[in-house]
N, C-alpha and C. Protein backbone atom coordinates (compact mmCIF):
# COMPACT_ATOMS: atom_id res chain seq x y z
N MET A 1 108.95 116.27 112.42
CA MET A 1 110.17 116.84 111.99
C MET A 1 111.17 116.59 113.11
N SER A 2 112.40 116.15 112.72
CA SER A 2 113.36 115.83 113.72
C SER A 2 114.00 117.13 114.29
N ALA A 3 114.67 116.93 115.43
CA ALA A 3 115.31 118.16 116.05
C ALA A 3 116.44 118.65 115.23
N LEU A 4 117.16 117.78 114.53
CA LEU A 4 118.23 118.26 113.65
C LEU A 4 117.65 119.14 112.54
N THR A 5 116.58 118.72 111.95
CA THR A 5 115.98 119.52 110.88
C THR A 5 115.50 120.87 111.34
N LYS A 6 114.92 120.90 112.52
CA LYS A 6 114.42 122.18 113.13
C LYS A 6 115.63 123.10 113.35
N ALA A 7 116.68 122.58 113.98
CA ALA A 7 117.84 123.41 114.28
C ALA A 7 118.48 123.96 112.93
N ALA A 8 118.59 123.10 111.95
CA ALA A 8 119.13 123.53 110.66
C ALA A 8 118.32 124.61 110.00
N LEU A 9 116.98 124.44 110.07
CA LEU A 9 116.04 125.46 109.49
C LEU A 9 116.15 126.82 110.21
N ILE A 10 116.30 126.74 111.55
CA ILE A 10 116.45 128.00 112.32
C ILE A 10 117.72 128.69 111.97
N CYS A 11 118.82 127.94 111.90
CA CYS A 11 120.10 128.49 111.47
C CYS A 11 120.06 129.09 110.11
N GLY A 12 119.43 128.39 109.15
CA GLY A 12 119.36 128.83 107.80
C GLY A 12 118.44 130.05 107.62
N SER A 13 117.36 130.13 108.48
CA SER A 13 116.58 131.33 108.35
C SER A 13 117.20 132.53 108.90
N GLY A 14 118.07 132.41 109.91
CA GLY A 14 118.85 133.53 110.38
C GLY A 14 119.82 134.08 109.32
N SER A 15 120.40 133.16 108.59
CA SER A 15 121.27 133.53 107.47
C SER A 15 120.54 134.24 106.33
N MET A 16 119.34 133.75 106.07
CA MET A 16 118.55 134.40 105.04
C MET A 16 118.07 135.81 105.46
N ILE A 17 117.80 136.03 106.71
CA ILE A 17 117.49 137.36 107.21
C ILE A 17 118.64 138.32 107.00
N ILE A 18 119.84 137.79 107.32
CA ILE A 18 121.04 138.64 107.11
C ILE A 18 121.21 138.96 105.63
N LEU A 19 121.09 137.94 104.79
CA LEU A 19 121.25 138.10 103.33
C LEU A 19 120.23 139.14 102.80
N ILE A 20 118.94 139.06 103.16
CA ILE A 20 117.95 139.90 102.69
C ILE A 20 118.20 141.31 103.17
N SER A 21 118.61 141.48 104.44
CA SER A 21 118.87 142.83 104.95
C SER A 21 120.00 143.51 104.25
N ILE A 22 120.88 142.70 103.69
CA ILE A 22 122.04 143.31 102.95
C ILE A 22 121.62 143.65 101.42
N LEU A 23 120.86 142.74 100.89
CA LEU A 23 120.52 142.94 99.46
C LEU A 23 119.42 144.02 99.22
N ILE A 24 118.44 144.15 100.14
CA ILE A 24 117.38 145.14 99.94
C ILE A 24 117.88 146.49 100.38
N ASN A 25 117.60 147.46 99.65
CA ASN A 25 118.01 148.85 99.97
C ASN A 25 116.98 149.45 100.99
N LEU A 26 117.39 149.39 102.26
CA LEU A 26 116.55 149.88 103.38
C LEU A 26 117.29 150.94 104.07
N PRO A 27 116.54 151.73 104.89
CA PRO A 27 117.23 152.73 105.75
C PRO A 27 118.27 152.03 106.69
N PHE A 28 119.24 152.79 107.04
CA PHE A 28 120.40 152.24 107.78
C PHE A 28 119.95 151.62 109.08
N VAL A 29 119.07 152.25 109.79
CA VAL A 29 118.60 151.76 111.13
C VAL A 29 117.86 150.50 110.94
N VAL A 30 116.99 150.34 109.98
CA VAL A 30 116.27 149.08 109.69
C VAL A 30 117.21 147.98 109.34
N GLN A 31 118.22 148.33 108.54
CA GLN A 31 119.19 147.33 108.06
C GLN A 31 120.00 146.75 109.30
N ILE A 32 120.39 147.67 110.21
CA ILE A 32 121.15 147.22 111.38
C ILE A 32 120.23 146.30 112.31
N ILE A 33 118.97 146.67 112.41
CA ILE A 33 118.00 145.86 113.25
C ILE A 33 117.91 144.53 112.63
N LEU A 34 117.70 144.46 111.28
CA LEU A 34 117.56 143.14 110.62
C LEU A 34 118.88 142.25 110.77
N LEU A 35 120.00 142.98 110.66
CA LEU A 35 121.24 142.23 110.82
C LEU A 35 121.40 141.66 112.18
N LEU A 36 121.01 142.40 113.20
CA LEU A 36 121.12 141.88 114.59
C LEU A 36 120.13 140.80 114.85
N CYS A 37 118.87 140.91 114.29
CA CYS A 37 117.89 139.88 114.46
C CYS A 37 118.37 138.56 113.75
N GLY A 38 118.87 138.72 112.54
CA GLY A 38 119.39 137.58 111.79
C GLY A 38 120.53 136.91 112.54
N LEU A 39 121.39 137.71 113.12
CA LEU A 39 122.47 137.15 113.89
C LEU A 39 122.01 136.41 115.11
N ALA A 40 120.99 136.97 115.79
CA ALA A 40 120.46 136.30 116.97
C ALA A 40 119.82 135.02 116.62
N VAL A 41 119.07 134.93 115.52
CA VAL A 41 118.39 133.68 115.11
C VAL A 41 119.46 132.65 114.70
N SER A 42 120.44 133.08 113.99
CA SER A 42 121.48 132.18 113.54
C SER A 42 122.30 131.60 114.73
N VAL A 43 122.59 132.45 115.70
CA VAL A 43 123.29 131.95 116.92
C VAL A 43 122.48 130.98 117.70
N TYR A 44 121.13 131.24 117.77
CA TYR A 44 120.24 130.27 118.45
C TYR A 44 120.27 128.92 117.71
N GLY A 45 120.22 128.95 116.42
CA GLY A 45 120.26 127.70 115.66
C GLY A 45 121.52 126.94 115.86
N VAL A 46 122.63 127.64 115.92
CA VAL A 46 123.95 126.97 116.21
C VAL A 46 123.98 126.41 117.62
N PHE A 47 123.36 127.18 118.54
CA PHE A 47 123.29 126.68 119.94
C PHE A 47 122.50 125.40 119.98
N LEU A 48 121.38 125.29 119.24
CA LEU A 48 120.61 124.06 119.24
C LEU A 48 121.43 122.91 118.68
N LEU A 49 122.15 123.18 117.55
CA LEU A 49 123.00 122.11 116.95
C LEU A 49 124.12 121.70 117.93
N VAL A 50 124.74 122.59 118.59
CA VAL A 50 125.79 122.25 119.56
C VAL A 50 125.19 121.46 120.69
N LYS A 51 124.04 121.83 121.16
CA LYS A 51 123.40 121.14 122.24
C LYS A 51 123.10 119.64 121.87
N MET A 52 122.76 119.47 120.63
CA MET A 52 122.44 118.09 120.18
C MET A 52 123.69 117.29 120.02
N VAL A 53 124.83 117.92 119.75
CA VAL A 53 126.12 117.16 119.65
C VAL A 53 126.60 116.78 121.04
N ILE A 54 126.42 117.71 122.01
CA ILE A 54 126.88 117.41 123.35
C ILE A 54 126.07 116.38 124.09
N ARG A 55 124.74 116.55 123.98
CA ARG A 55 123.83 115.61 124.63
C ARG A 55 122.88 115.05 123.61
N PRO A 56 123.30 113.99 122.89
CA PRO A 56 122.36 113.43 121.85
C PRO A 56 121.20 112.73 122.54
N ALA A 57 120.09 112.74 121.90
CA ALA A 57 118.91 112.06 122.44
C ALA A 57 119.06 110.56 122.26
N GLU A 58 118.51 109.83 123.24
CA GLU A 58 118.58 108.37 123.12
C GLU A 58 117.64 107.94 122.04
N LYS A 59 118.12 107.00 121.19
CA LYS A 59 117.28 106.55 120.13
C LYS A 59 116.33 105.44 120.66
N ALA A 60 115.09 105.57 120.21
CA ALA A 60 114.05 104.58 120.67
C ALA A 60 114.35 103.30 119.91
N PRO A 61 114.09 102.13 120.57
CA PRO A 61 114.25 100.86 119.83
C PRO A 61 113.25 100.80 118.68
N ILE A 62 113.63 100.03 117.68
CA ILE A 62 112.80 99.92 116.48
C ILE A 62 111.46 99.30 116.79
N ALA A 63 111.44 98.20 117.58
CA ALA A 63 110.19 97.59 117.96
C ALA A 63 110.11 97.71 119.51
N PRO A 64 108.98 98.17 119.94
CA PRO A 64 108.88 98.27 121.47
C PRO A 64 108.97 96.90 122.13
N ALA A 65 109.53 96.92 123.33
CA ALA A 65 109.79 95.62 124.05
C ALA A 65 108.52 94.96 124.44
N ASP A 66 107.48 95.69 124.74
CA ASP A 66 106.25 95.04 125.17
C ASP A 66 105.36 94.49 124.05
N GLU A 67 105.76 94.82 122.81
CA GLU A 67 104.99 94.33 121.64
C GLU A 67 105.46 92.84 121.31
N LYS A 68 104.45 92.04 121.18
CA LYS A 68 104.72 90.61 120.97
C LYS A 68 105.09 90.41 119.46
N VAL A 69 106.08 89.55 119.31
CA VAL A 69 106.51 89.19 117.93
C VAL A 69 105.65 88.08 117.38
N ILE A 70 104.98 88.26 116.29
CA ILE A 70 104.14 87.28 115.71
C ILE A 70 104.97 86.40 114.67
N THR A 71 104.93 85.11 114.89
CA THR A 71 105.67 84.25 113.95
C THR A 71 104.63 83.64 113.06
N PRO A 72 104.93 83.54 111.79
CA PRO A 72 103.98 82.93 110.89
C PRO A 72 103.83 81.45 111.15
N ILE A 73 102.62 80.97 111.03
CA ILE A 73 102.28 79.50 111.28
C ILE A 73 102.48 78.83 109.94
N LYS A 74 103.34 77.73 110.05
CA LYS A 74 103.57 76.93 108.82
C LYS A 74 102.46 75.90 108.75
N LYS A 75 101.96 75.76 107.55
CA LYS A 75 100.90 74.80 107.24
C LYS A 75 101.52 73.46 107.02
N LYS A 76 100.95 72.40 107.60
CA LYS A 76 101.48 71.08 107.40
C LYS A 76 100.86 70.47 106.13
N LYS A 77 101.66 69.84 105.42
CA LYS A 77 101.12 69.18 104.20
C LYS A 77 100.36 67.91 104.59
N GLY A 78 99.19 67.81 104.09
CA GLY A 78 98.39 66.60 104.38
C GLY A 78 98.75 65.48 103.34
N PRO A 79 98.13 64.30 103.53
CA PRO A 79 98.44 63.22 102.62
C PRO A 79 97.81 63.62 101.27
N SER A 80 98.62 63.40 100.29
CA SER A 80 98.20 63.71 98.91
C SER A 80 97.52 62.55 98.31
N SER A 81 96.43 62.83 97.61
CA SER A 81 95.68 61.75 97.03
C SER A 81 95.89 61.81 95.50
N THR A 82 96.09 60.69 94.89
CA THR A 82 96.24 60.65 93.44
C THR A 82 95.01 59.93 92.84
N LEU A 83 94.48 60.51 91.86
CA LEU A 83 93.32 59.91 91.22
C LEU A 83 93.64 59.27 89.90
């Protein structure tokens, strides 16, 4: 899983915690705790996204440099015989 996907999932899960804490009828203290936890998770996800924008990871080359490139061998046509 890429870093972008992980950061987006963390941010989205924080938003879902906030949404669930609002929708479910819970005691006020539990609701406030869930809201604060959801806010903290969401802020952490946004922090990861901003960190990726500021310092993007270097992309690995498609083919490693030490890997040899194999070229297909062309077959030579031999003399054709007619019968």
